[in-house]
Amino acid sequence: MTFDPVLPPAVLAVVAVALVGLRAVALRRAAGAGHRALLRWTTTTVAMLLLLVAAARPGSGAAVEPGSGQPRQAGANVYFVVDRSEDSALTDLDGTQRMSKMRRDIDELITAHPGARFAVIAFASRPAIEWPLSEDTWSLAPVVDALTPYAGLTAASANVNAGAAANVLRYQLIAAGQQYPHAPNLVYYLGSGAPESSVPQGTFDTGPVDGGAVLGYGGGAALRDIAGQLGLPYVQRGVGEALPRPDSAEASAEPGDPAATDGRVEYYWAFTMLAALLLLIEIFLTTRDLLRARATRREVPT
């Protein structure tokens, strides 16, 4: 088992020492309040320790060499810019909803980029980061499955800004360039092009990207403009058509890159799930105690 902590080990050590001190103080009070209080102290302490272990990111496979200070460079940074406006709820002539096609295409593209890190930026009239850049595809899968068209006035066809995600994408690319300087950046834009919109449209001024495509599920004119802004090919998604396949330079880090490492299986999610379960139990017991105390105060005569 290897570790790839989200914070420097020294910081995690300081947090661990502080936690031990605080829980030791709480232990004195719990020990004098009976077995139930001591049991609750134990479950809360275990939950906190599990979160610390999760922050150390245990896993199997290669990790960053201790003291190197450099993130892993294997694989590409892949950004999915997804149109979740009312237009994505439309059903095309083949009887399939556009959003359903988008989810299917995203799943296929994830498979086509093994070892990559992925991010999901959704938009309608405004952008939102649905999934920050991460190589955890196991947790990403349910996020993609849950992508549905937004509801409400801000998602209406007349209010859609096809370039709403431009600034968010630009800053994400800048951050990725600083964190993963040797990794290629790929952008896949999936949208309808806001053909009925009456609001000003944003412009993608992100600088050059290393690959990807603009995948069209509706009006082509605006989408071709976006493809030109990003320097990417435009691909109209039709029935039975294959997605563009990334070449080897796009799909992975540069050959021979000394920072590149083998894939790594993360286990942090198991520790966070256990911690969440223990904390939910504590929240339930605390809420029950508060309700009982309130009921007791009401019963006491004034």
Protein backbone atom coordinates (compact mmCIF):
# COMPACT_ATOMS: atom_id res chain seq x y z
CA MET A 1 0.00 0.00 0.00
CA THR A 2 1.21 3.49 -0.86
CA PHE A 3 0.10 6.96 0.21
CA ASP A 4 -0.34 10.15 -1.79
CA PRO A 5 -1.60 12.73 0.77
CA VAL A 6 -3.76 15.67 -0.27
CA LEU A 7 -1.67 17.87 2.06
CA PRO A 8 2.03 17.81 2.93
CA PRO A 9 2.75 15.06 5.49
CA ALA A 10 3.95 17.63 8.01
CA VAL A 11 0.59 19.42 7.87
CA LEU A 12 -1.31 16.15 8.33
CA ALA A 13 0.95 15.32 11.29
CA VAL A 14 0.14 18.65 12.96
CA VAL A 15 -3.57 18.07 12.40
CA ALA A 16 -3.28 14.57 13.86
CA VAL A 17 -1.49 15.84 16.98
CA ALA A 18 -4.08 18.56 17.49
CA LEU A 19 -6.88 16.04 17.05
CA VAL A 20 -5.35 13.66 19.60
CA GLY A 21 -5.05 16.50 22.11
CA LEU A 22 -8.64 17.64 21.67
CA ARG A 23 -10.03 14.13 21.89
CA ALA A 24 -7.96 13.47 25.02
CA VAL A 25 -9.59 16.46 26.70
CA ALA A 26 -13.03 15.22 25.63
CA LEU A 27 -12.19 11.75 26.97
CA ARG A 28 -12.03 13.01 30.54
CA ARG A 29 -15.58 14.29 30.35
CA ALA A 30 -16.84 11.16 28.58
CA ALA A 31 -15.22 8.81 31.09
CA GLY A 32 -17.12 10.48 33.93
CA ALA A 33 -20.47 10.37 32.15
CA GLY A 34 -20.88 6.61 31.87
CA HIS A 35 -20.45 3.86 29.30
CA ARG A 36 -22.76 5.36 26.69
CA ALA A 37 -20.85 8.64 26.63
CA LEU A 38 -17.58 6.73 26.36
CA LEU A 39 -18.93 4.70 23.44
CA ARG A 40 -20.03 7.83 21.62
CA TRP A 41 -16.61 9.40 22.22
CA THR A 42 -15.03 6.31 20.69
CA THR A 43 -17.17 6.33 17.53
CA THR A 44 -16.58 10.05 16.94
CA THR A 45 -12.84 9.68 17.47
CA VAL A 46 -12.65 6.72 15.11
CA ALA A 47 -14.57 8.69 12.46
CA MET A 48 -12.07 11.56 12.71
CA LEU A 49 -9.13 9.18 12.47
CA LEU A 50 -10.67 7.57 9.40
CA LEU A 51 -10.90 10.99 7.76
CA LEU A 52 -7.22 11.57 8.51
CA VAL A 53 -6.35 8.24 6.91
CA ALA A 54 -8.47 9.16 3.88
CA ALA A 55 -6.60 12.47 3.60
CA ALA A 56 -3.39 10.46 3.30
CA ARG A 57 -4.94 8.81 0.19
CA PRO A 58 -3.99 5.17 0.69
CA GLY A 59 -3.95 3.05 -2.44
CA SER A 60 -2.16 0.41 -4.43
CA GLY A 61 0.26 1.25 -7.19
CA ALA A 62 2.86 3.92 -7.64
CA ALA A 63 2.63 7.22 -5.82
CA VAL A 64 4.61 10.42 -5.71
CA GLU A 65 8.10 9.88 -4.35
CA PRO A 66 8.36 11.31 -0.83
CA GLY A 67 9.78 14.81 -0.85
CA SER A 68 9.57 15.20 -4.61
CA GLY A 69 6.85 17.86 -4.36
CA GLN A 70 5.70 16.99 -7.88
CA PRO A 71 2.27 15.60 -8.82
CA ARG A 72 1.96 12.56 -11.02
CA GLN A 73 2.03 13.35 -14.74
CA ALA A 74 0.65 10.13 -16.27
CA GLY A 75 -2.30 10.66 -18.59
CA ALA A 76 -4.04 13.74 -19.90
CA ASN A 77 -6.24 16.38 -18.29
CA VAL A 78 -9.64 15.93 -19.95
CA TYR A 79 -12.36 18.56 -19.60
CA PHE A 80 -15.98 17.88 -20.48
CA VAL A 81 -17.94 21.09 -21.07
CA VAL A 82 -21.57 19.95 -20.98
CA ASP A 83 -24.69 21.83 -22.07
CA ARG A 84 -27.38 21.21 -19.42
CA SER A 85 -29.84 23.74 -20.78
CA GLU A 86 -33.42 23.11 -21.87
CA ASP A 87 -32.06 22.31 -25.35
CA SER A 88 -30.45 19.16 -23.97
CA ALA A 89 -33.87 17.80 -23.03
CA LEU A 90 -34.96 17.74 -26.68
CA THR A 91 -35.51 14.41 -28.40
CA ASP A 92 -33.94 14.05 -31.85
CA LEU A 93 -35.34 12.23 -34.86
CA ASP A 94 -33.83 8.95 -33.71
CA GLY A 95 -36.04 9.08 -30.58
CA THR A 96 -33.13 9.64 -28.17
CA GLN A 97 -32.85 12.58 -25.79
CA ARG A 98 -29.77 14.71 -26.43
CA MET A 99 -28.62 14.53 -22.82
CA SER A 100 -28.77 10.75 -22.99
CA LYS A 101 -26.44 10.87 -26.01
CA MET A 102 -24.10 13.20 -24.17
CA ARG A 103 -23.85 10.88 -21.17
CA ARG A 104 -23.16 7.94 -23.45
CA ASP A 105 -20.47 9.86 -25.31
CA ILE A 106 -18.82 10.99 -22.07
CA ASP A 107 -18.68 7.39 -20.84
CA GLU A 108 -17.07 6.33 -24.12
CA LEU A 109 -14.53 9.13 -24.00
CA ILE A 110 -13.57 8.27 -20.42
CA THR A 111 -12.85 4.73 -21.56
CA ALA A 112 -10.81 6.08 -24.49
CA HIS A 113 -8.47 7.97 -22.14
CA PRO A 114 -7.09 5.42 -19.66
CA GLY A 115 -5.09 6.94 -16.84
CA ALA A 116 -6.36 10.46 -17.50
CA ARG A 117 -7.73 13.00 -15.06
CA PHE A 118 -11.24 14.28 -15.78
CA ALA A 119 -13.28 17.37 -15.00
CA VAL A 120 -16.92 18.18 -15.79
CA ILE A 121 -18.02 21.79 -16.31
CA ALA A 122 -21.75 22.22 -16.93
CA PHE A 123 -23.55 25.30 -18.15
CA ALA A 124 -26.83 26.82 -19.30
CA SER A 125 -26.93 30.57 -18.73
CA ARG A 126 -24.14 30.22 -16.12
CA PRO A 127 -21.35 27.68 -15.58
CA ALA A 128 -20.82 25.23 -12.72
CA ILE A 129 -18.01 22.82 -11.94
CA GLU A 130 -19.79 19.50 -11.51
CA TRP A 131 -16.59 17.50 -10.99
CA PRO A 132 -13.13 18.96 -10.31
CA LEU A 133 -10.11 17.56 -12.11
CA SER A 134 -9.50 14.08 -10.73
CA GLU A 135 -8.39 10.64 -11.83
CA ASP A 136 -11.04 8.97 -9.66
CA THR A 137 -13.20 7.58 -12.47
CA TRP A 138 -14.93 5.21 -10.05
CA SER A 139 -16.61 8.14 -8.32
CA LEU A 140 -17.01 10.09 -11.56
CA ALA A 141 -19.29 7.46 -13.12
CA PRO A 142 -22.38 8.20 -10.95
CA VAL A 143 -21.83 11.94 -11.48
CA VAL A 144 -22.03 11.45 -15.24
CA ASP A 145 -25.07 9.20 -14.88
CA ALA A 146 -26.81 11.94 -12.88
CA LEU A 147 -26.33 14.64 -15.53
CA THR A 148 -29.76 15.89 -16.57
CA PRO A 149 -31.05 19.11 -18.15
CA TYR A 150 -31.47 21.98 -15.72
CA ALA A 151 -34.97 23.22 -14.96
CA GLY A 152 -36.15 26.79 -14.58
CA LEU A 153 -35.89 30.13 -16.32
CA THR A 154 -32.09 30.25 -16.31
CA ALA A 155 -32.01 27.04 -18.39
CA ALA A 156 -34.62 28.20 -20.92
CA SER A 157 -33.55 28.10 -24.56
CA ALA A 158 -33.81 31.89 -24.89
CA ASN A 159 -31.37 32.44 -22.00
CA VAL A 160 -28.64 29.94 -22.88
CA ASN A 161 -25.08 31.20 -23.25
CA ALA A 162 -23.17 28.64 -25.29
CA GLY A 163 -19.91 30.22 -24.11
CA ALA A 164 -20.87 30.53 -20.45
CA ALA A 165 -18.11 28.13 -19.37
CA ALA A 166 -15.33 30.04 -21.16
CA ASN A 167 -13.80 31.77 -18.12
CA VAL A 168 -14.15 28.76 -15.85
CA LEU A 169 -12.44 26.56 -18.43
CA ARG A 170 -9.66 29.10 -18.94
CA TYR A 171 -8.85 29.23 -15.22
CA GLN A 172 -9.05 25.47 -14.93
CA LEU A 173 -6.54 25.11 -17.76
CA ILE A 174 -4.22 27.63 -16.12
CA ALA A 175 -4.35 25.73 -12.82
CA ALA A 176 -3.75 22.41 -14.57
CA GLY A 177 -0.75 23.86 -16.39
CA GLN A 178 0.79 24.79 -13.04
CA GLN A 179 -0.02 21.50 -11.35
CA TYR A 180 0.63 19.15 -14.28
CA PRO A 181 3.03 21.03 -16.57
CA HIS A 182 3.86 18.01 -18.74
CA ALA A 183 0.33 16.65 -19.19
CA PRO A 184 -1.71 17.40 -22.35
CA ASN A 185 -4.99 19.29 -21.91
CA LEU A 186 -7.98 17.99 -23.87
CA VAL A 187 -11.38 19.68 -24.13
CA TYR A 188 -14.60 18.01 -25.24
CA TYR A 189 -17.47 20.45 -25.62
CA LEU A 190 -20.89 18.79 -25.80
CA GLY A 191 -23.79 21.06 -26.66
CA SER A 192 -26.61 22.23 -28.88
CA GLY A 193 -25.21 25.66 -29.72
CA ALA A 194 -28.03 27.73 -28.16
CA PRO A 195 -29.85 28.22 -31.50
CA GLU A 196 -32.82 30.04 -29.93
CA SER A 197 -30.90 32.18 -27.45
CA SER A 198 -31.41 35.94 -27.35
CA VAL A 199 -28.62 36.77 -24.89
CA PRO A 200 -25.00 37.72 -25.70
CA GLN A 201 -22.76 34.70 -26.22
CA GLY A 202 -19.41 34.24 -24.54
CA THR A 203 -16.15 33.58 -26.37
CA PHE A 204 -13.63 30.85 -25.54
CA ASP A 205 -10.34 32.69 -25.12
CA THR A 206 -8.52 29.84 -23.44
CA GLY A 207 -5.34 29.68 -25.45
CA PRO A 208 -4.25 26.53 -27.27
CA VAL A 209 -5.35 23.11 -26.07
CA ASP A 210 -3.74 19.84 -27.07
CA GLY A 211 -6.79 18.04 -28.40
CA GLY A 212 -10.43 17.14 -28.04
CA ALA A 213 -13.47 18.07 -30.12
CA VAL A 214 -16.67 20.08 -30.19
CA LEU A 215 -19.52 17.57 -30.32
CA GLY A 216 -22.72 18.99 -31.73
CA TYR A 217 -26.21 17.80 -30.86
CA GLY A 218 -28.11 20.64 -32.47
CA GLY A 219 -27.41 23.92 -34.28
CA GLY A 220 -24.13 23.80 -36.12
CA ALA A 221 -23.24 27.47 -36.80
CA ALA A 222 -22.53 28.53 -33.22
CA LEU A 223 -20.81 25.24 -32.46
CA ARG A 224 -18.47 25.65 -35.42
CA ASP A 225 -17.56 29.08 -34.07
CA ILE A 226 -16.76 27.54 -30.70
CA ALA A 227 -14.66 24.86 -32.41
CA GLY A 228 -12.73 27.61 -34.16
CA GLN A 229 -12.17 29.49 -30.89
CA LEU A 230 -10.83 26.37 -29.19
CA GLY A 231 -8.88 25.19 -32.24
CA LEU A 232 -10.70 21.87 -32.22
CA PRO A 233 -12.54 19.86 -34.85
CA TYR A 234 -16.33 20.05 -35.00
CA VAL A 235 -18.17 16.73 -35.01
CA GLN A 236 -21.92 16.57 -35.57
CA ARG A 237 -23.25 13.68 -33.55
CA GLY A 238 -25.50 11.49 -35.65
CA VAL A 239 -27.06 8.08 -35.30
CA GLY A 240 -24.48 5.29 -35.21
CA GLU A 241 -21.49 7.57 -35.82
CA ALA A 242 -18.26 6.82 -33.98
CA LEU A 243 -16.63 9.38 -31.72
CA PRO A 244 -13.27 10.84 -32.75
CA ARG A 245 -10.48 8.71 -31.32
CA PRO A 246 -7.60 10.43 -29.54
CA ASP A 247 -4.12 9.76 -30.86
CA SER A 248 -1.42 8.48 -28.54
CA ALA A 249 0.03 11.95 -27.95
CA GLU A 250 -3.32 13.24 -26.73
CA ALA A 251 -4.30 10.27 -24.61
CA SER A 252 -1.20 10.03 -22.48
CA ALA A 253 1.78 11.91 -21.16
CA GLU A 254 4.85 12.37 -23.30
CA PRO A 255 6.75 9.09 -23.86
CA GLY A 256 9.67 8.77 -21.54
CA ASP A 257 8.39 11.43 -19.17
CA PRO A 258 10.24 10.60 -15.92
CA ALA A 259 7.28 11.84 -13.88
CA ALA A 260 4.86 9.40 -15.49
CA THR A 261 3.75 6.51 -13.27
CA ASP A 262 1.57 3.47 -13.43
CA GLY A 263 -2.14 3.63 -12.63
CA ARG A 264 -3.13 3.71 -8.98
CA VAL A 265 -6.21 2.34 -7.25
CA GLU A 266 -7.53 4.68 -4.56
CA TYR A 267 -8.95 3.43 -1.25
CA TYR A 268 -9.76 6.75 0.41
CA TRP A 269 -13.45 6.41 -0.46
CA ALA A 270 -13.80 3.35 1.80
CA PHE A 271 -12.47 5.28 4.80
CA THR A 272 -14.68 8.30 4.09
CA MET A 273 -17.77 6.09 3.78
CA LEU A 274 -17.08 4.46 7.15
CA ALA A 275 -16.44 7.85 8.73
CA ALA A 276 -19.67 9.22 7.27
CA LEU A 277 -21.63 6.28 8.69
CA LEU A 278 -20.21 6.80 12.18
CA LEU A 279 -20.85 10.54 12.05
CA LEU A 280 -24.43 9.98 10.88
CA ILE A 281 -25.00 7.80 13.92
CA GLU A 282 -23.61 10.52 16.18
CA ILE A 283 -25.78 13.17 14.49
CA PHE A 284 -28.85 10.99 15.03
CA LEU A 285 -28.06 10.46 18.73
CA THR A 286 -27.32 14.15 19.29
CA THR A 287 -30.58 15.16 17.60
CA ARG A 288 -32.50 12.65 19.69
CA ASP A 289 -30.96 14.00 22.90
CA LEU A 290 -31.84 17.58 21.95
CA LEU A 291 -35.46 16.64 21.22
CA ARG A 292 -35.74 14.78 24.52
CA ALA A 293 -34.28 17.72 26.42
CA ARG A 294 -36.73 20.10 24.75
CA ALA A 295 -39.65 17.81 25.55
CA THR A 296 -38.52 17.60 29.18
CA ARG A 297 -38.39 21.39 29.52
CA ARG A 298 -41.93 21.67 28.19
CA GLU A 299 -43.20 19.16 30.77
CA VAL A 300 -41.63 20.93 33.73
CA PRO A 301 -44.32 23.22 35.37
CA THR A 302 -43.49 26.86 35.71
